[in-house]
Amino acid sequence: MPKDTCRKESCKQWLISGETCPNYFENTFYPAGKIDEACKIADCAPIRTMLLIKEQNSILVSIQGMFETNRNLANTFRPLLSFLQRTYEKSRTSKQESIANGS
């Protein structure tokens, strides 16, 4: 369950104004499958944004790791594919030559 990110006691915006903060907003959170149990979360926009960026960054790092793994795997097969292509070309060329020679 998400936690509140607003810290009214230590927030300079709350201490200066006493009543409001331009970064404060409330979210309504519904636990999975429980529409009747709504939870309100007091959020600070900059803190919540940084948490979401951190989460997205970790997702992108894992995706990049998967791409690198696939690239490395493809690089291991490249010599094999080149060998098979050369072998196929040689066999095709030799068959065409034998047909041309009438053998």
N, C-alpha and C. Protein backbone atom coordinates (compact mmCIF):
# COMPACT_ATOMS: atom_id res chain seq x y z
N MET A 1 0.84 -1.18 0.00
CA MET A 1 0.00 0.00 0.00
C MET A 1 0.89 1.24 0.00
N PRO A 2 0.60 2.21 -0.87
CA PRO A 2 1.41 3.43 -0.92
C PRO A 2 1.35 4.22 0.38
N LYS A 3 2.44 4.87 0.68
CA LYS A 3 2.52 5.68 1.90
C LYS A 3 2.42 7.16 1.55
N ASP A 4 2.01 7.95 2.54
CA ASP A 4 1.97 9.40 2.35
C ASP A 4 3.38 9.93 2.12
N THR A 5 3.49 10.86 1.19
CA THR A 5 4.80 11.48 0.96
C THR A 5 4.84 12.91 1.48
N CYS A 6 3.71 13.44 1.89
CA CYS A 6 3.67 14.79 2.43
C CYS A 6 4.17 14.77 3.89
N ARG A 7 5.09 15.66 4.18
CA ARG A 7 5.64 15.77 5.54
C ARG A 7 5.37 17.20 6.05
N LYS A 8 4.17 17.40 6.56
CA LYS A 8 3.76 18.74 6.99
C LYS A 8 4.64 19.30 8.10
N GLU A 9 5.13 18.43 8.97
CA GLU A 9 5.92 18.90 10.12
C GLU A 9 7.26 19.49 9.69
N SER A 10 7.86 18.95 8.63
CA SER A 10 9.18 19.43 8.22
C SER A 10 9.19 20.17 6.89
N CYS A 11 8.03 20.39 6.30
CA CYS A 11 7.94 21.06 5.00
C CYS A 11 8.00 22.57 5.17
N LYS A 12 8.93 23.21 4.49
CA LYS A 12 9.07 24.67 4.59
C LYS A 12 7.86 25.39 4.03
N GLN A 13 7.25 24.85 2.99
CA GLN A 13 6.06 25.49 2.41
C GLN A 13 4.91 25.52 3.43
N TRP A 14 4.73 24.42 4.16
CA TRP A 14 3.67 24.38 5.17
C TRP A 14 4.01 25.32 6.33
N LEU A 15 5.28 25.37 6.71
CA LEU A 15 5.68 26.24 7.83
C LEU A 15 5.53 27.71 7.48
N ILE A 16 5.83 28.08 6.23
CA ILE A 16 5.73 29.47 5.81
C ILE A 16 4.28 29.92 5.73
N SER A 17 3.46 29.13 5.03
CA SER A 17 2.07 29.54 4.81
C SER A 17 1.16 29.21 5.98
N GLY A 18 1.46 28.14 6.66
CA GLY A 18 0.65 27.75 7.80
C GLY A 18 -0.59 26.96 7.44
N GLU A 19 -1.09 27.09 6.22
CA GLU A 19 -2.34 26.42 5.86
C GLU A 19 -2.26 25.59 4.58
N THR A 20 -1.53 26.07 3.60
CA THR A 20 -1.53 25.38 2.31
C THR A 20 -0.12 25.21 1.79
N CYS A 21 0.01 24.30 0.86
CA CYS A 21 1.28 24.08 0.18
C CYS A 21 0.95 23.88 -1.30
N PRO A 22 1.64 24.57 -2.21
CA PRO A 22 1.32 24.41 -3.63
C PRO A 22 1.65 23.01 -4.17
N ASN A 23 2.46 22.26 -3.44
CA ASN A 23 2.85 20.93 -3.89
C ASN A 23 1.98 19.82 -3.31
N TYR A 24 1.04 20.18 -2.45
CA TYR A 24 0.22 19.19 -1.76
C TYR A 24 -0.97 18.76 -2.62
N PHE A 25 -1.22 17.48 -2.67
CA PHE A 25 -2.44 16.96 -3.29
C PHE A 25 -2.78 15.62 -2.65
N GLU A 26 -4.04 15.26 -2.75
CA GLU A 26 -4.49 13.99 -2.18
C GLU A 26 -4.88 13.04 -3.30
N ASN A 27 -4.47 11.81 -3.15
CA ASN A 27 -4.84 10.74 -4.07
C ASN A 27 -5.76 9.79 -3.35
N THR A 28 -6.67 9.20 -4.10
CA THR A 28 -7.53 8.16 -3.55
C THR A 28 -7.03 6.84 -4.10
N PHE A 29 -6.75 5.92 -3.21
CA PHE A 29 -6.19 4.63 -3.58
C PHE A 29 -7.19 3.54 -3.21
N TYR A 30 -7.44 2.64 -4.17
CA TYR A 30 -8.31 1.50 -3.93
C TYR A 30 -7.47 0.23 -3.96
N PRO A 31 -7.40 -0.50 -2.86
CA PRO A 31 -6.66 -1.78 -2.87
C PRO A 31 -7.26 -2.71 -3.93
N ALA A 32 -6.45 -3.61 -4.41
CA ALA A 32 -6.85 -4.50 -5.51
C ALA A 32 -8.15 -5.24 -5.18
N GLY A 33 -9.16 -5.01 -6.03
CA GLY A 33 -10.43 -5.71 -5.88
C GLY A 33 -11.32 -5.23 -4.76
N LYS A 34 -10.96 -4.15 -4.07
CA LYS A 34 -11.75 -3.67 -2.94
C LYS A 34 -12.16 -2.22 -3.18
N ILE A 35 -13.21 -2.04 -3.96
CA ILE A 35 -13.67 -0.69 -4.32
C ILE A 35 -14.25 0.03 -3.11
N ASP A 36 -14.83 -0.68 -2.21
CA ASP A 36 -15.47 -0.04 -1.05
C ASP A 36 -14.47 0.41 0.02
N GLU A 37 -13.21 0.01 -0.07
CA GLU A 37 -12.19 0.38 0.91
C GLU A 37 -11.23 1.42 0.33
N ALA A 38 -11.70 2.63 0.16
CA ALA A 38 -10.86 3.69 -0.40
C ALA A 38 -9.91 4.23 0.66
N CYS A 39 -8.67 4.48 0.27
CA CYS A 39 -7.67 5.05 1.17
C CYS A 39 -7.19 6.36 0.57
N LYS A 40 -7.11 7.39 1.39
CA LYS A 40 -6.59 8.67 0.92
C LYS A 40 -5.11 8.76 1.26
N ILE A 41 -4.37 9.27 0.28
CA ILE A 41 -2.93 9.42 0.45
C ILE A 41 -2.58 10.89 0.28
N ALA A 42 -1.90 11.45 1.28
CA ALA A 42 -1.45 12.84 1.22
C ALA A 42 -0.08 12.86 0.54
N ASP A 43 -0.03 13.51 -0.62
CA ASP A 43 1.20 13.49 -1.40
C ASP A 43 1.80 14.87 -1.59
N CYS A 44 3.13 14.84 -1.72
CA CYS A 44 3.90 16.02 -2.09
C CYS A 44 4.33 15.78 -3.54
N ALA A 45 3.97 16.67 -4.45
CA ALA A 45 4.22 16.47 -5.88
C ALA A 45 5.69 16.19 -6.20
N PRO A 46 6.66 16.97 -5.70
CA PRO A 46 8.06 16.67 -6.05
C PRO A 46 8.54 15.31 -5.54
N ILE A 47 8.13 14.94 -4.34
CA ILE A 47 8.57 13.65 -3.79
C ILE A 47 7.93 12.50 -4.56
N ARG A 48 6.63 12.59 -4.84
CA ARG A 48 5.95 11.52 -5.58
C ARG A 48 6.53 11.40 -6.99
N THR A 49 6.85 12.55 -7.60
CA THR A 49 7.45 12.53 -8.94
C THR A 49 8.79 11.82 -8.92
N MET A 50 9.61 12.11 -7.93
CA MET A 50 10.92 11.46 -7.84
C MET A 50 10.77 9.95 -7.61
N LEU A 51 9.79 9.54 -6.82
CA LEU A 51 9.55 8.11 -6.61
C LEU A 51 9.14 7.42 -7.91
N LEU A 52 8.29 8.08 -8.69
CA LEU A 52 7.86 7.49 -9.97
C LEU A 52 9.01 7.44 -10.97
N ILE A 53 9.85 8.48 -10.98
CA ILE A 53 11.02 8.48 -11.87
C ILE A 53 11.97 7.36 -11.49
N LYS A 54 12.17 7.17 -10.20
CA LYS A 54 13.05 6.08 -9.74
C LYS A 54 12.51 4.72 -10.18
N GLU A 55 11.20 4.54 -10.07
CA GLU A 55 10.58 3.28 -10.49
C GLU A 55 10.74 3.08 -11.99
N GLN A 56 10.48 4.12 -12.78
CA GLN A 56 10.62 4.02 -14.23
C GLN A 56 12.06 3.77 -14.64
N ASN A 57 13.00 4.38 -13.92
CA ASN A 57 14.41 4.18 -14.23
C ASN A 57 14.82 2.72 -14.02
N SER A 58 14.34 2.12 -12.94
CA SER A 58 14.70 0.72 -12.70
C SER A 58 14.09 -0.19 -13.77
N ILE A 59 12.90 0.14 -14.25
CA ILE A 59 12.28 -0.64 -15.33
C ILE A 59 13.11 -0.50 -16.60
N LEU A 60 13.54 0.72 -16.93
CA LEU A 60 14.34 0.93 -18.14
C LEU A 60 15.69 0.24 -18.05
N VAL A 61 16.29 0.23 -16.87
CA VAL A 61 17.58 -0.46 -16.71
C VAL A 61 17.41 -1.96 -16.94
N SER A 62 16.32 -2.55 -16.44
CA SER A 62 16.11 -3.98 -16.66
C SER A 62 15.81 -4.28 -18.13
N ILE A 63 15.07 -3.40 -18.81
CA ILE A 63 14.82 -3.59 -20.24
C ILE A 63 16.12 -3.50 -21.02
N GLN A 64 16.96 -2.54 -20.67
CA GLN A 64 18.25 -2.41 -21.34
C GLN A 64 19.09 -3.67 -21.14
N GLY A 65 19.05 -4.23 -19.96
CA GLY A 65 19.78 -5.47 -19.68
C GLY A 65 19.29 -6.62 -20.54
N MET A 66 17.96 -6.70 -20.73
CA MET A 66 17.42 -7.76 -21.59
C MET A 66 17.86 -7.57 -23.04
N PHE A 67 17.86 -6.32 -23.51
CA PHE A 67 18.32 -6.06 -24.88
C PHE A 67 19.78 -6.44 -25.06
N GLU A 68 20.60 -6.12 -24.07
CA GLU A 68 22.02 -6.47 -24.16
C GLU A 68 22.22 -7.98 -24.15
N THR A 69 21.44 -8.68 -23.35
CA THR A 69 21.53 -10.14 -23.33
C THR A 69 21.16 -10.72 -24.69
N ASN A 70 20.08 -10.21 -25.28
CA ASN A 70 19.67 -10.69 -26.61
C ASN A 70 20.70 -10.36 -27.67
N ARG A 71 21.30 -9.17 -27.59
CA ARG A 71 22.33 -8.79 -28.54
C ARG A 71 23.54 -9.72 -28.43
N ASN A 72 23.96 -10.00 -27.21
CA ASN A 72 25.10 -10.90 -27.01
C ASN A 72 24.79 -12.31 -27.50
N LEU A 73 23.57 -12.75 -27.28
CA LEU A 73 23.17 -14.07 -27.76
C LEU A 73 23.18 -14.11 -29.28
N ALA A 74 22.69 -13.05 -29.91
CA ALA A 74 22.70 -12.98 -31.37
C ALA A 74 24.12 -12.96 -31.90
N ASN A 75 25.03 -12.30 -31.21
CA ASN A 75 26.42 -12.26 -31.65
C ASN A 75 27.09 -13.62 -31.59
N THR A 76 26.64 -14.50 -30.70
CA THR A 76 27.21 -15.84 -30.63
C THR A 76 26.77 -16.69 -31.82
N PHE A 77 25.60 -16.40 -32.38
CA PHE A 77 25.10 -17.16 -33.52
C PHE A 77 25.56 -16.62 -34.87
N ARG A 78 26.05 -15.40 -34.90
CA ARG A 78 26.44 -14.77 -36.16
C ARG A 78 27.50 -15.58 -36.92
N PRO A 79 28.58 -16.06 -36.30
CA PRO A 79 29.55 -16.87 -37.04
C PRO A 79 28.95 -18.16 -37.60
N LEU A 80 28.07 -18.80 -36.83
CA LEU A 80 27.43 -20.02 -37.29
C LEU A 80 26.57 -19.74 -38.52
N LEU A 81 25.81 -18.66 -38.48
CA LEU A 81 24.96 -18.30 -39.62
C LEU A 81 25.80 -17.98 -40.85
N SER A 82 26.91 -17.28 -40.66
CA SER A 82 27.80 -16.98 -41.78
C SER A 82 28.37 -18.26 -42.39
N PHE A 83 28.76 -19.20 -41.54
CA PHE A 83 29.28 -20.48 -42.02
C PHE A 83 28.22 -21.24 -42.82
N LEU A 84 27.00 -21.28 -42.31
CA LEU A 84 25.93 -21.98 -43.01
C LEU A 84 25.62 -21.32 -44.35
N GLN A 85 25.66 -19.99 -44.38
CA GLN A 85 25.40 -19.28 -45.63
C GLN A 85 26.50 -19.59 -46.66
N ARG A 86 27.75 -19.56 -46.25
CA ARG A 86 28.86 -19.86 -47.17
C ARG A 86 28.77 -21.29 -47.68
N THR A 87 28.44 -22.23 -46.78
CA THR A 87 28.30 -23.63 -47.17
C THR A 87 27.18 -23.81 -48.18
N TYR A 88 26.07 -23.15 -47.95
CA TYR A 88 24.93 -23.23 -48.87
C TYR A 88 25.31 -22.66 -50.23
N GLU A 89 25.96 -21.50 -50.24
CA GLU A 89 26.37 -20.88 -51.50
C GLU A 89 27.33 -21.79 -52.28
N LYS A 90 28.27 -22.42 -51.58
CA LYS A 90 29.23 -23.32 -52.23
C LYS A 90 28.51 -24.52 -52.83
N SER A 91 27.58 -25.11 -52.08
CA SER A 91 26.87 -26.29 -52.59
C SER A 91 25.99 -25.91 -53.77
N ARG A 92 25.36 -24.76 -53.72
CA ARG A 92 24.52 -24.31 -54.82
C ARG A 92 25.36 -24.04 -56.07
N THR A 93 26.51 -23.42 -55.89
CA THR A 93 27.40 -23.12 -57.01
C THR A 93 27.93 -24.41 -57.64
N SER A 94 28.31 -25.37 -56.81
CA SER A 94 28.83 -26.64 -57.35
C SER A 94 27.74 -27.42 -58.09
N LYS A 95 26.50 -27.36 -57.62
CA LYS A 95 25.40 -28.03 -58.31
C LYS A 95 25.14 -27.37 -59.66
N GLN A 96 25.20 -26.03 -59.70
CA GLN A 96 24.98 -25.32 -60.97
C GLN A 96 26.10 -25.64 -61.96
N GLU A 97 27.33 -25.76 -61.48
CA GLU A 97 28.45 -26.09 -62.37
C GLU A 97 28.33 -27.51 -62.92
N SER A 98 27.88 -28.44 -62.07
CA SER A 98 27.74 -29.82 -62.54
C SER A 98 26.60 -29.92 -63.56
N ILE A 99 25.56 -29.14 -63.40
CA ILE A 99 24.47 -29.12 -64.37
C ILE A 99 24.96 -28.52 -65.68
N ALA A 100 25.75 -27.46 -65.59
CA ALA A 100 26.26 -26.79 -66.78
C ALA A 100 27.24 -27.70 -67.54
N ASN A 101 27.99 -28.53 -66.82
CA ASN A 101 28.94 -29.44 -67.46
C ASN A 101 28.26 -30.69 -67.99
N GLY A 102 27.01 -30.86 -67.68
CA GLY A 102 26.28 -32.02 -68.17
C GLY A 102 26.49 -33.26 -67.36
N SER A 103 26.95 -33.11 -66.13
CA SER A 103 27.19 -34.30 -65.32
C SER A 103 26.00 -34.65 -64.49
